[in-house]
Amino acid sequence: MALALPTIEEYIIQRDKEFGFWLVFHTRYNDICAFGKQLENDQFDNFDKKYIDNESRNYFLNFMKENFPTIKLTNIFDLVDPSILTYPYLGSIAVDCVQGDEAFNAISAMYGNPFEAPISNKAVFWVMKLEDAIKSHTKRQEAIDAEFGDF
């Protein structure tokens, strides 16, 4: 079933704040993108749902519900190369927090500060600047226009 979710870039642009924050629970994605692990046989199977750590994801959701029930959480599509136009939802969640606020500090204590090295591949707290989100989103729109043209 197709989902109508924003990409992380769209989410950050819509928020219109200096930084956007999200958590990725896809261990393969985190191994490659956060920890720089080498690929086996150059196979980037980053979109396989078997790598989603649902236990860590559920723990995070329960933690937020209990401790920060007013913080908005949004399911988002992960950050991928702008030329990739379709891919599955892999469990990532954007967090409507601001650097240094109580929720940001609590999440950073659990998963590592997103401005520093991550702690575990089970859940990585990511950050992106608004200007980088705009650049990536523009590249994706150009790829969409090149693929599908004007409608």
C-alpha atoms as a PDB file:
ATOM      1  CA  MET A   1       0.000   0.000   0.000  1.00  0.00           C
ATOM      2  CA  ALA A   2       1.363   3.411  -0.944  1.00  0.00           C
ATOM      3  CA  LEU A   3       1.767   5.956   1.819  1.00  0.00           C
ATOM      4  CA  ALA A   4       1.464   9.709   1.474  1.00  0.00           C
ATOM      5  CA  LEU A   5       4.263  10.785   3.773  1.00  0.00           C
ATOM      6  CA  PRO A   6       6.710  13.645   3.465  1.00  0.00           C
ATOM      7  CA  THR A   7      10.358  13.041   2.775  1.00  0.00           C
ATOM      8  CA  ILE A   8      12.618  14.289   5.539  1.00  0.00           C
ATOM      9  CA  GLU A   9      13.530  17.215   3.289  1.00  0.00           C
ATOM     10  CA  GLU A  10       9.870  18.180   2.821  1.00  0.00           C
ATOM     11  CA  TYR A  11       9.278  17.906   6.559  1.00  0.00           C
ATOM     12  CA  ILE A  12      12.229  20.180   7.353  1.00  0.00           C
ATOM     13  CA  ILE A  13      11.166  22.732   4.742  1.00  0.00           C
ATOM     14  CA  GLN A  14       7.597  22.756   6.092  1.00  0.00           C
ATOM     15  CA  ARG A  15       8.882  23.337   9.652  1.00  0.00           C
ATOM     16  CA  ASP A  16      11.019  26.235   8.421  1.00  0.00           C
ATOM     17  CA  LYS A  17      13.474  26.090  11.330  1.00  0.00           C
ATOM     18  CA  GLU A  18      17.272  26.035  11.136  1.00  0.00           C
ATOM     19  CA  PHE A  19      17.517  22.286  11.770  1.00  0.00           C
ATOM     20  CA  GLY A  20      15.300  19.254  11.377  1.00  0.00           C
ATOM     21  CA  PHE A  21      15.689  16.134  13.537  1.00  0.00           C
ATOM     22  CA  TRP A  22      14.631  12.542  12.987  1.00  0.00           C
ATOM     23  CA  LEU A  23      15.348   9.009  14.125  1.00  0.00           C
ATOM     24  CA  VAL A  24      16.208   6.126  11.834  1.00  0.00           C
ATOM     25  CA  PHE A  25      15.593   2.615  13.148  1.00  0.00           C
ATOM     26  CA  HIS A  26      16.820   0.831  10.008  1.00  0.00           C
ATOM     27  CA  THR A  27      20.038  -0.863  11.117  1.00  0.00           C
ATOM     28  CA  ARG A  28      21.443  -1.395   7.628  1.00  0.00           C
ATOM     29  CA  TYR A  29      20.905   2.263   6.708  1.00  0.00           C
ATOM     30  CA  ASN A  30      22.528   3.321   9.969  1.00  0.00           C
ATOM     31  CA  ASP A  31      25.464   0.925   9.534  1.00  0.00           C
ATOM     32  CA  ILE A  32      26.227   2.344   6.099  1.00  0.00           C
ATOM     33  CA  CYS A  33      25.297   6.008   6.477  1.00  0.00           C
ATOM     34  CA  ALA A  34      26.111   6.709  10.138  1.00  0.00           C
ATOM     35  CA  PHE A  35      28.910   4.260  10.867  1.00  0.00           C
ATOM     36  CA  GLY A  36      30.477   4.078   7.396  1.00  0.00           C
ATOM     37  CA  LYS A  37      30.529   0.286   7.224  1.00  0.00           C
ATOM     38  CA  GLN A  38      31.572  -1.235   3.926  1.00  0.00           C
ATOM     39  CA  LEU A  39      28.983  -2.972   1.795  1.00  0.00           C
ATOM     40  CA  GLU A  40      29.229  -6.683   1.171  1.00  0.00           C
ATOM     41  CA  ASN A  41      29.590  -7.286  -2.570  1.00  0.00           C
ATOM     42  CA  ASP A  42      28.570  -3.640  -3.154  1.00  0.00           C
ATOM     43  CA  GLN A  43      24.918  -4.537  -2.567  1.00  0.00           C
ATOM     44  CA  PHE A  44      23.079  -1.602  -1.063  1.00  0.00           C
ATOM     45  CA  ASP A  45      19.944  -3.361   0.200  1.00  0.00           C
ATOM     46  CA  ASN A  46      19.032  -0.296   2.171  1.00  0.00           C
ATOM     47  CA  PHE A  47      15.321  -0.655   1.448  1.00  0.00           C
ATOM     48  CA  ASP A  48      14.714  -4.079   2.958  1.00  0.00           C
ATOM     49  CA  LYS A  49      12.232  -3.807   5.823  1.00  0.00           C
ATOM     50  CA  LYS A  50      13.853  -6.761   7.630  1.00  0.00           C
ATOM     51  CA  TYR A  51      16.459  -4.306   8.936  1.00  0.00           C
ATOM     52  CA  ILE A  52      13.944  -2.143  10.818  1.00  0.00           C
ATOM     53  CA  ASP A  53      14.510  -2.485  14.556  1.00  0.00           C
ATOM     54  CA  ASN A  54      10.861  -2.372  15.574  1.00  0.00           C
ATOM     55  CA  GLU A  55      11.693  -3.015  19.231  1.00  0.00           C
ATOM     56  CA  SER A  56      13.809   0.157  19.355  1.00  0.00           C
ATOM     57  CA  ARG A  57      11.177   2.079  17.403  1.00  0.00           C
ATOM     58  CA  ASN A  58       8.391   1.026  19.781  1.00  0.00           C
ATOM     59  CA  TYR A  59      10.554   1.841  22.787  1.00  0.00           C
ATOM     60  CA  PHE A  60      11.111   5.352  21.396  1.00  0.00           C
ATOM     61  CA  LEU A  61       7.399   5.873  20.701  1.00  0.00           C
ATOM     62  CA  ASN A  62       6.479   4.766  24.232  1.00  0.00           C
ATOM     63  CA  PHE A  63       9.222   6.944  25.720  1.00  0.00           C
ATOM     64  CA  MET A  64       7.930   9.996  23.854  1.00  0.00           C
ATOM     65  CA  LYS A  65       4.310   9.245  24.739  1.00  0.00           C
ATOM     66  CA  GLU A  66       5.160   8.968  28.430  1.00  0.00           C
ATOM     67  CA  ASN A  67       7.656  11.827  28.708  1.00  0.00           C
ATOM     68  CA  PHE A  68       6.862  14.278  25.899  1.00  0.00           C
ATOM     69  CA  PRO A  69       3.256  13.697  24.840  1.00  0.00           C
ATOM     70  CA  THR A  70       2.939  17.166  23.313  1.00  0.00           C
ATOM     71  CA  ILE A  71       5.948  16.819  21.002  1.00  0.00           C
ATOM     72  CA  LYS A  72       4.747  16.143  17.468  1.00  0.00           C
ATOM     73  CA  LEU A  73       6.166  13.020  15.827  1.00  0.00           C
ATOM     74  CA  THR A  74       5.834  12.549  12.068  1.00  0.00           C
ATOM     75  CA  ASN A  75       6.462   9.406  10.029  1.00  0.00           C
ATOM     76  CA  ILE A  76       8.802  10.409   7.208  1.00  0.00           C
ATOM     77  CA  PHE A  77      10.573   8.862   4.268  1.00  0.00           C
ATOM     78  CA  ASP A  78      14.302   8.539   4.848  1.00  0.00           C
ATOM     79  CA  LEU A  79      17.014  10.657   3.316  1.00  0.00           C
ATOM     80  CA  VAL A  80      18.081   8.982   0.076  1.00  0.00           C
ATOM     81  CA  ASP A  81      19.787  10.114  -3.097  1.00  0.00           C
ATOM     82  CA  PRO A  82      17.442  12.575  -4.860  1.00  0.00           C
ATOM     83  CA  SER A  83      17.526  10.446  -8.011  1.00  0.00           C
ATOM     84  CA  ILE A  84      15.684   7.626  -6.182  1.00  0.00           C
ATOM     85  CA  LEU A  85      12.039   8.436  -6.759  1.00  0.00           C
ATOM     86  CA  THR A  86      10.269   5.525  -5.083  1.00  0.00           C
ATOM     87  CA  TYR A  87      11.178   3.555  -1.998  1.00  0.00           C
ATOM     88  CA  PRO A  88       9.326   2.001   0.943  1.00  0.00           C
ATOM     89  CA  TYR A  89       8.627   3.558   4.309  1.00  0.00           C
ATOM     90  CA  LEU A  90      11.259   2.199   6.682  1.00  0.00           C
ATOM     91  CA  GLY A  91       9.997   3.395  10.056  1.00  0.00           C
ATOM     92  CA  SER A  92      11.780   6.746  10.413  1.00  0.00           C
ATOM     93  CA  ILE A  93      10.229   9.406  12.632  1.00  0.00           C
ATOM     94  CA  ALA A  94      10.766  13.164  12.583  1.00  0.00           C
ATOM     95  CA  VAL A  95      10.724  14.913  15.952  1.00  0.00           C
ATOM     96  CA  ASP A  96       9.459  18.474  16.305  1.00  0.00           C
ATOM     97  CA  CYS A  97      12.117  19.580  18.757  1.00  0.00           C
ATOM     98  CA  VAL A  98      14.707  22.340  18.829  1.00  0.00           C
ATOM     99  CA  GLN A  99      18.388  21.979  19.604  1.00  0.00           C
ATOM    100  CA  GLY A 100      18.845  22.289  23.357  1.00  0.00           C
ATOM    101  CA  ASP A 101      15.197  21.905  24.390  1.00  0.00           C
ATOM    102  CA  GLU A 102      14.166  19.271  26.933  1.00  0.00           C
ATOM    103  CA  ALA A 103      13.057  16.688  24.345  1.00  0.00           C
ATOM    104  CA  PHE A 104      16.205  17.184  22.250  1.00  0.00           C
ATOM    105  CA  ASN A 105      18.399  16.712  25.324  1.00  0.00           C
ATOM    106  CA  ALA A 106      16.545  13.566  26.429  1.00  0.00           C
ATOM    107  CA  ILE A 107      16.709  12.012  22.950  1.00  0.00           C
ATOM    108  CA  SER A 108      20.397  12.941  22.669  1.00  0.00           C
ATOM    109  CA  ALA A 109      21.085  11.276  26.017  1.00  0.00           C
ATOM    110  CA  MET A 110      19.487   8.055  24.751  1.00  0.00           C
ATOM    111  CA  TYR A 111      20.749   7.940  21.159  1.00  0.00           C
ATOM    112  CA  GLY A 112      23.630  10.392  20.983  1.00  0.00           C
ATOM    113  CA  ASN A 113      23.705  14.051  20.024  1.00  0.00           C
ATOM    114  CA  PRO A 114      22.943  14.275  16.285  1.00  0.00           C
ATOM    115  CA  PHE A 115      25.786  16.789  15.875  1.00  0.00           C
ATOM    116  CA  GLU A 116      28.220  14.147  17.158  1.00  0.00           C
ATOM    117  CA  ALA A 117      28.912  10.456  16.544  1.00  0.00           C
ATOM    118  CA  PRO A 118      25.936   8.081  17.025  1.00  0.00           C
ATOM    119  CA  ILE A 119      25.869   5.469  19.782  1.00  0.00           C
ATOM    120  CA  SER A 120      24.121   2.439  18.238  1.00  0.00           C
ATOM    121  CA  ASN A 121      22.911   1.336  14.818  1.00  0.00           C
ATOM    122  CA  LYS A 122      19.558   0.322  16.343  1.00  0.00           C
ATOM    123  CA  ALA A 123      18.430   3.952  16.415  1.00  0.00           C
ATOM    124  CA  VAL A 124      20.315   6.987  15.178  1.00  0.00           C
ATOM    125  CA  PHE A 125      19.272  10.568  15.900  1.00  0.00           C
ATOM    126  CA  TRP A 126      19.897  12.556  12.706  1.00  0.00           C
ATOM    127  CA  VAL A 127      20.025  16.282  11.928  1.00  0.00           C
ATOM    128  CA  MET A 128      19.815  18.286   8.695  1.00  0.00           C
ATOM    129  CA  LYS A 129      20.093  22.012   8.097  1.00  0.00           C
ATOM    130  CA  LEU A 130      17.175  23.718   6.402  1.00  0.00           C
ATOM    131  CA  GLU A 131      19.404  24.951   3.557  1.00  0.00           C
ATOM    132  CA  ASP A 132      20.593  21.376   2.870  1.00  0.00           C
ATOM    133  CA  ALA A 133      17.000  20.130   2.864  1.00  0.00           C
ATOM    134  CA  ILE A 134      16.090  22.773   0.280  1.00  0.00           C
ATOM    135  CA  LYS A 135      19.027  21.766  -1.954  1.00  0.00           C
ATOM    136  CA  SER A 136      18.182  18.072  -1.754  1.00  0.00           C
ATOM    137  CA  HIS A 137      14.475  18.712  -2.343  1.00  0.00           C
ATOM    138  CA  THR A 138      15.275  20.846  -5.400  1.00  0.00           C
ATOM    139  CA  LYS A 139      17.438  18.056  -6.844  1.00  0.00           C
ATOM    140  CA  ARG A 140      14.625  15.557  -6.264  1.00  0.00           C
ATOM    141  CA  GLN A 141      12.113  17.840  -7.982  1.00  0.00           C
ATOM    142  CA  GLU A 142      14.492  18.152 -10.953  1.00  0.00           C
ATOM    143  CA  ALA A 143      14.759  14.344 -11.129  1.00  0.00           C
ATOM    144  CA  ILE A 144      10.963  14.031 -10.996  1.00  0.00           C
ATOM    145  CA  ASP A 145      10.558  16.624 -13.749  1.00  0.00           C
ATOM    146  CA  ALA A 146      13.175  14.849 -15.888  1.00  0.00           C
ATOM    147  CA  GLU A 147      11.461  11.497 -15.388  1.00  0.00           C
ATOM    148  CA  PHE A 148       7.830  12.524 -15.744  1.00  0.00           C
ATOM    149  CA  GLY A 149       7.889  15.963 -17.402  1.00  0.00           C
ATOM    150  CA  ASP A 150       5.206  18.576 -16.936  1.00  0.00           C
ATOM    151  CA  PHE A 151       1.672  17.375 -16.293  1.00  0.00           C
END
